[in-house]
C-alpha cells in the first residue's frame, strides 16, 4: 500500500472511531447539556458529516484501488480528496462540536471553510471520474 493510501486508511479509521464515539457521547453523556443549550441538532449535524466522510474515505480507497491510483490512467488526486475530506471533518464538524458546547462564536466562520473543503473533495471526485477513460 502506498503512503497516500496508508494515511487515508488511518484517517478513515480514526474519523470513524471518533464519529461513533462523539455520536454516542452526545446522545448520552452530553444529552442534558446539549438540550439545555438548544444545540442537539447542531451536534447531530456535526456527527452526520463526520461519519459520512469517514465512510467516504473508505469508499475512496476502493475506487483508488479499482482505478489504479498513482498509475498511468488512474486517479491522480486521491491524496487531495482525502486531505480535503479530512480537513473538512476537522473544520466543519470540529467547529460545530465546539460551538454546541458553548465555544467562542469566533469559530463560526471556520464552519463554512470546512464545508468548502468537503465540496472541493467532491469536485475532485467528479473531475477524476470525468478524466477516466471509458471502456
Protein backbone atom coordinates (compact mmCIF):
# COMPACT_ATOMS: atom_id res chain seq x y z
CA UNK A 1 0.00 0.00 0.00
CA UNK A 2 1.47 3.36 -0.95
CA UNK A 3 1.87 6.01 1.71
CA UNK A 4 -1.06 8.13 0.48
CA UNK A 5 -3.47 5.23 0.72
CA UNK A 6 -1.96 4.29 4.08
CA UNK A 7 -2.70 7.69 5.62
CA UNK A 8 -6.21 7.72 4.10
CA UNK A 9 -6.85 4.32 5.71
CA UNK A 10 -5.56 5.66 9.03
CA UNK A 11 -7.71 8.81 8.75
CA UNK A 12 -10.81 6.73 7.90
CA UNK A 13 -10.27 4.55 10.97
CA UNK A 14 -9.66 7.46 13.32
CA UNK A 15 -12.56 9.51 11.93
CA UNK A 16 -14.90 6.51 12.03
CA UNK A 17 -13.98 5.78 15.64
CA UNK A 18 -14.25 9.38 16.79
CA UNK A 19 -17.51 9.90 14.87
CA UNK A 20 -19.18 6.95 16.57
CA UNK A 21 -17.73 7.94 19.95
CA UNK A 22 -18.87 11.56 19.66
CA UNK A 23 -22.30 10.48 18.46
CA UNK A 24 -22.72 8.24 21.50
CA UNK A 25 -21.23 10.86 23.82
CA UNK A 26 -23.68 13.48 22.54
CA UNK A 27 -26.66 11.13 22.82
CA UNK A 28 -25.85 10.03 26.37
CA UNK A 29 -23.27 11.94 28.43
CA UNK A 30 -23.97 15.35 26.87
CA UNK A 31 -27.70 14.93 26.29
CA UNK A 32 -28.77 17.30 29.08
CA UNK A 33 -26.12 19.89 28.26
CA UNK A 34 -26.90 19.92 24.55
CA UNK A 35 -30.65 20.03 25.21
CA UNK A 36 -30.27 22.94 27.65
CA UNK A 37 -28.16 24.85 25.12
CA UNK A 38 -30.58 24.06 22.28
CA UNK A 39 -27.75 22.57 20.27
CA UNK A 40 -28.76 18.92 19.87
CA UNK A 41 -29.39 19.32 16.13
CA UNK A 42 -26.07 21.13 15.65
CA UNK A 43 -24.25 18.25 17.36
CA UNK A 44 -26.16 15.73 15.23
CA UNK A 45 -25.24 17.61 12.05
CA UNK A 46 -21.57 17.52 13.07
CA UNK A 47 -21.76 13.76 13.70
CA UNK A 48 -23.58 13.14 10.41
CA UNK A 49 -20.99 14.92 8.26
CA UNK A 50 -18.18 13.42 10.35
CA UNK A 51 -19.38 9.85 9.73
CA UNK A 52 -20.37 10.38 6.09
CA UNK A 53 -16.86 11.48 5.28
CA UNK A 54 -15.23 8.70 7.30
CA UNK A 55 -17.17 6.21 5.16
CA UNK A 56 -16.42 8.25 2.02
CA UNK A 57 -12.70 7.86 2.78
CA UNK A 58 -13.15 4.08 2.85
CA UNK A 59 -15.02 4.21 -0.46
CA UNK A 60 -12.22 6.37 -1.86
CA UNK A 61 -9.75 3.60 -1.06
CA UNK A 62 -11.84 1.13 -3.04
CA UNK A 63 -12.11 3.47 -6.01
CA UNK A 64 -8.38 4.23 -5.85
CA UNK A 65 -7.60 0.52 -5.93
CA UNK A 66 -10.07 -0.19 -8.75
CA UNK A 67 -8.77 2.64 -10.93
CA UNK A 68 -5.08 2.09 -10.26
CA UNK A 69 -4.48 5.31 -8.37
CA UNK A 70 -0.98 6.61 -8.91
CA UNK A 71 -0.56 4.60 -12.11
CA UNK A 72 -0.90 5.81 -15.68
CA UNK A 73 -4.58 6.37 -16.39
CA UNK A 74 -5.59 6.10 -12.72
CA UNK A 75 -6.87 8.71 -10.32
CA UNK A 76 -4.18 11.24 -9.58
CA UNK A 77 -5.86 13.34 -6.89
CA UNK A 78 -6.69 10.66 -4.31
CA UNK A 79 -4.44 12.20 -1.66
CA UNK A 80 -6.00 15.64 -2.24
CA UNK A 81 -9.52 14.24 -1.97
CA UNK A 82 -8.56 12.53 1.29
CA UNK A 83 -6.94 15.70 2.58
CA UNK A 84 -9.98 17.83 1.68
CA UNK A 85 -12.40 15.48 3.41
CA UNK A 86 -10.22 15.04 6.49
CA UNK A 87 -9.73 18.79 6.77
CA UNK A 88 -13.47 19.23 6.24
CA UNK A 89 -14.26 16.99 9.21
CA UNK A 90 -11.80 18.83 11.43
CA UNK A 91 -13.01 22.31 10.45
CA UNK A 92 -16.73 21.75 9.80
CA UNK A 93 -17.62 19.10 12.36
CA UNK A 94 -14.98 20.24 14.83
CA UNK A 95 -16.27 23.81 14.89
CA UNK A 96 -19.87 22.61 15.23
CA UNK A 97 -18.92 20.36 18.17
CA UNK A 98 -17.14 23.27 19.82
CA UNK A 99 -19.97 25.73 19.20
CA UNK A 100 -22.52 23.18 20.51
CA UNK A 101 -20.66 23.14 23.80
CA UNK A 102 -20.56 26.93 24.08
CA UNK A 103 -17.21 27.59 22.45
CA UNK A 104 -16.41 31.13 21.33
CA UNK A 105 -18.58 32.37 18.47
CA UNK A 106 -15.42 33.41 16.65
CA UNK A 107 -15.27 29.80 15.46
CA UNK A 108 -18.47 30.33 13.48
CA UNK A 109 -16.61 31.41 10.31
CA UNK A 110 -14.50 28.23 10.46
CA UNK A 111 -17.55 26.05 9.74
CA UNK A 112 -18.02 27.20 6.12
CA UNK A 113 -14.31 26.68 5.46
CA UNK A 114 -14.80 23.05 6.40
CA UNK A 115 -17.83 22.92 4.12
CA UNK A 116 -15.71 24.30 1.28
CA UNK A 117 -13.12 21.59 1.94
CA UNK A 118 -15.86 18.94 1.67
CA UNK A 119 -17.07 20.48 -1.60
CA UNK A 120 -13.55 20.66 -3.02
CA UNK A 121 -13.07 16.96 -2.30
CA UNK A 122 -16.32 16.06 -4.05
CA UNK A 123 -15.40 18.23 -7.06
CA UNK A 124 -12.10 16.36 -7.29
CA UNK A 125 -14.03 13.08 -7.31
CA UNK A 126 -16.11 14.33 -10.25
CA UNK A 127 -13.00 15.66 -12.01
CA UNK A 128 -11.23 12.32 -11.72
CA UNK A 129 -14.29 10.44 -12.95
CA UNK A 130 -14.50 12.80 -15.92
CA UNK A 131 -10.84 12.17 -16.77
CA UNK A 132 -11.05 8.36 -16.58
CA UNK A 133 -11.10 6.59 -19.90
CA UNK A 134 -14.34 4.71 -20.50
CA UNK A 135 -14.33 1.06 -21.51
